[in-house]
Amino acid sequence: MPMEFNRDFDAYVSSKSGAMGEDVTYTPAGGSASVITVILNQEYIDIDTSNLGVQGYQPTAYVKTSDIPNIAVGDAISIAALKTLDGTIYKPATNYKVVNYENDNTGFTSLLLEVQ
């Protein structure tokens, strides 16, 4: 069930005032770029292949569904370098491709990303 108001998410995903969000550039395949705010995460994955387990991390972005109404596999997300308060880069600028997505029907969509 969607939240009553889309603006209920605004403070949560904000990139201002120490909130969890990061401003990124979203470019739909064949479309124009726009700036949206996402929550970036590196989801831990563990794949059981019967005899040999494989572990790793899957870059994931959580975004308000209303910001990406026509999301599609192949769309691009570009993230500027992430820096500490003193300007030290702790994650370089990265370009991603959307390889899968899931609308959770509460107002958020998770994007599975692949580094380009």
Protein backbone atom coordinates (compact mmCIF):
# COMPACT_ATOMS: atom_id res chain seq x y z
CA MET A 1 0.00 0.00 0.00
CA PRO A 2 1.51 3.38 -0.97
CA MET A 3 2.20 5.98 1.66
CA GLU A 4 -0.49 8.62 2.00
CA PHE A 5 1.72 11.34 0.52
CA ASN A 6 4.77 11.03 -1.70
CA ARG A 7 6.35 13.92 0.24
CA ASP A 8 6.50 11.63 3.29
CA PHE A 9 9.65 10.15 1.72
CA ASP A 10 11.32 13.47 0.93
CA ALA A 11 13.08 13.94 4.27
CA TYR A 12 14.15 10.30 4.35
CA VAL A 13 15.89 10.32 0.98
CA SER A 14 17.13 13.91 1.15
CA SER A 15 20.79 14.52 0.36
CA LYS A 16 20.79 17.49 2.74
CA SER A 17 21.21 17.73 6.51
CA GLY A 18 22.91 14.37 7.01
CA ALA A 19 20.04 12.30 5.62
CA MET A 20 20.78 9.06 3.78
CA GLY A 21 20.28 10.21 0.18
CA GLU A 22 22.79 10.95 -2.58
CA ASP A 23 22.07 13.08 -5.64
CA VAL A 24 22.79 11.10 -8.82
CA THR A 25 22.26 11.56 -12.54
CA TYR A 26 19.61 9.25 -13.98
CA THR A 27 19.50 8.77 -17.75
CA PRO A 28 16.77 6.61 -19.26
CA ALA A 29 17.91 4.65 -22.33
CA GLY A 30 17.43 7.04 -25.22
CA GLY A 31 16.20 9.81 -22.91
CA SER A 32 17.36 12.96 -21.20
CA ALA A 33 19.39 13.03 -17.98
CA SER A 34 17.91 14.31 -14.73
CA VAL A 35 19.09 14.53 -11.13
CA ILE A 36 17.30 12.28 -8.64
CA THR A 37 18.06 11.34 -5.05
CA VAL A 38 18.74 7.71 -4.16
CA ILE A 39 19.88 5.72 -1.15
CA LEU A 40 22.95 3.73 -2.17
CA ASN A 41 23.76 0.36 -0.68
CA GLN A 42 26.03 -2.61 -1.26
CA GLU A 43 23.76 -5.59 -0.57
CA TYR A 44 25.58 -8.72 0.58
CA ILE A 45 24.71 -11.76 -1.54
CA ASP A 46 25.43 -15.41 -0.90
CA ILE A 47 24.71 -17.82 -3.74
CA ASP A 48 24.64 -21.50 -2.86
CA THR A 49 25.84 -23.55 -5.83
CA SER A 50 25.51 -26.89 -4.04
CA ASN A 51 29.22 -27.58 -3.67
CA LEU A 52 30.69 -24.11 -3.64
CA GLY A 53 29.23 -20.98 -2.09
CA VAL A 54 29.82 -17.64 -3.77
CA GLN A 55 29.67 -14.43 -1.78
CA GLY A 56 29.84 -10.84 -2.94
CA TYR A 57 28.12 -7.49 -3.02
CA GLN A 58 25.41 -6.17 -5.30
CA PRO A 59 25.26 -2.40 -5.77
CA THR A 60 21.70 -1.34 -5.09
CA ALA A 61 19.90 2.01 -5.16
CA TYR A 62 16.59 2.74 -3.48
CA VAL A 63 14.60 5.53 -5.09
CA LYS A 64 11.15 7.04 -4.81
CA THR A 65 9.04 5.32 -7.46
CA SER A 66 7.56 8.67 -8.46
CA ASP A 67 11.06 9.86 -9.50
CA ILE A 68 11.46 7.01 -12.01
CA PRO A 69 7.98 6.21 -13.36
CA ASN A 70 9.32 4.61 -16.55
CA ILE A 71 12.39 2.80 -15.21
CA ALA A 72 13.74 0.10 -17.52
CA VAL A 73 16.61 -2.35 -17.64
CA GLY A 74 19.52 -0.62 -19.38
CA ASP A 75 18.90 2.85 -17.91
CA ALA A 76 22.00 4.57 -16.49
CA ILE A 77 22.87 5.97 -13.07
CA SER A 78 25.98 8.13 -12.62
CA ILE A 79 27.28 8.88 -9.16
CA ALA A 80 29.82 11.60 -8.44
CA ALA A 81 32.76 10.81 -6.19
CA LEU A 82 31.73 10.51 -2.54
CA LYS A 83 33.83 12.56 -0.14
CA THR A 84 34.32 13.00 3.57
CA LEU A 85 33.65 16.39 5.14
CA ASP A 86 37.30 17.35 4.65
CA GLY A 87 37.12 16.51 0.93
CA THR A 88 38.87 13.13 0.94
CA ILE A 89 37.40 10.83 -1.73
CA TYR A 90 36.30 7.52 -0.25
CA LYS A 91 34.40 6.25 -3.30
CA PRO A 92 35.33 7.37 -6.82
CA ALA A 93 32.75 8.52 -9.35
CA THR A 94 30.99 5.48 -10.79
CA ASN A 95 28.68 4.78 -13.71
CA TYR A 96 26.09 2.03 -13.38
CA LYS A 97 23.57 0.30 -15.61
CA VAL A 98 20.22 -0.85 -14.21
CA VAL A 99 20.10 -4.64 -14.57
CA ASN A 100 16.89 -5.25 -12.65
CA TYR A 101 14.37 -3.35 -10.55
CA GLU A 102 11.55 -4.05 -8.13
CA ASN A 103 8.73 -1.73 -7.15
CA ASP A 104 7.82 -2.60 -3.56
CA ASN A 105 4.33 -1.04 -3.87
CA THR A 106 4.99 1.24 -0.88
CA GLY A 107 6.48 4.11 -2.88
CA PHE A 108 10.04 2.86 -3.29
CA THR A 109 11.75 0.96 -6.08
CA SER A 110 15.02 -0.92 -5.62
CA LEU A 111 17.43 -0.85 -8.55
CA LEU A 112 20.00 -3.60 -8.99
CA LEU A 113 23.03 -1.99 -10.57
CA GLU A 114 26.05 -3.14 -12.55
CA VAL A 115 29.27 -1.13 -12.69
CA GLN A 116 30.08 0.05 -16.23
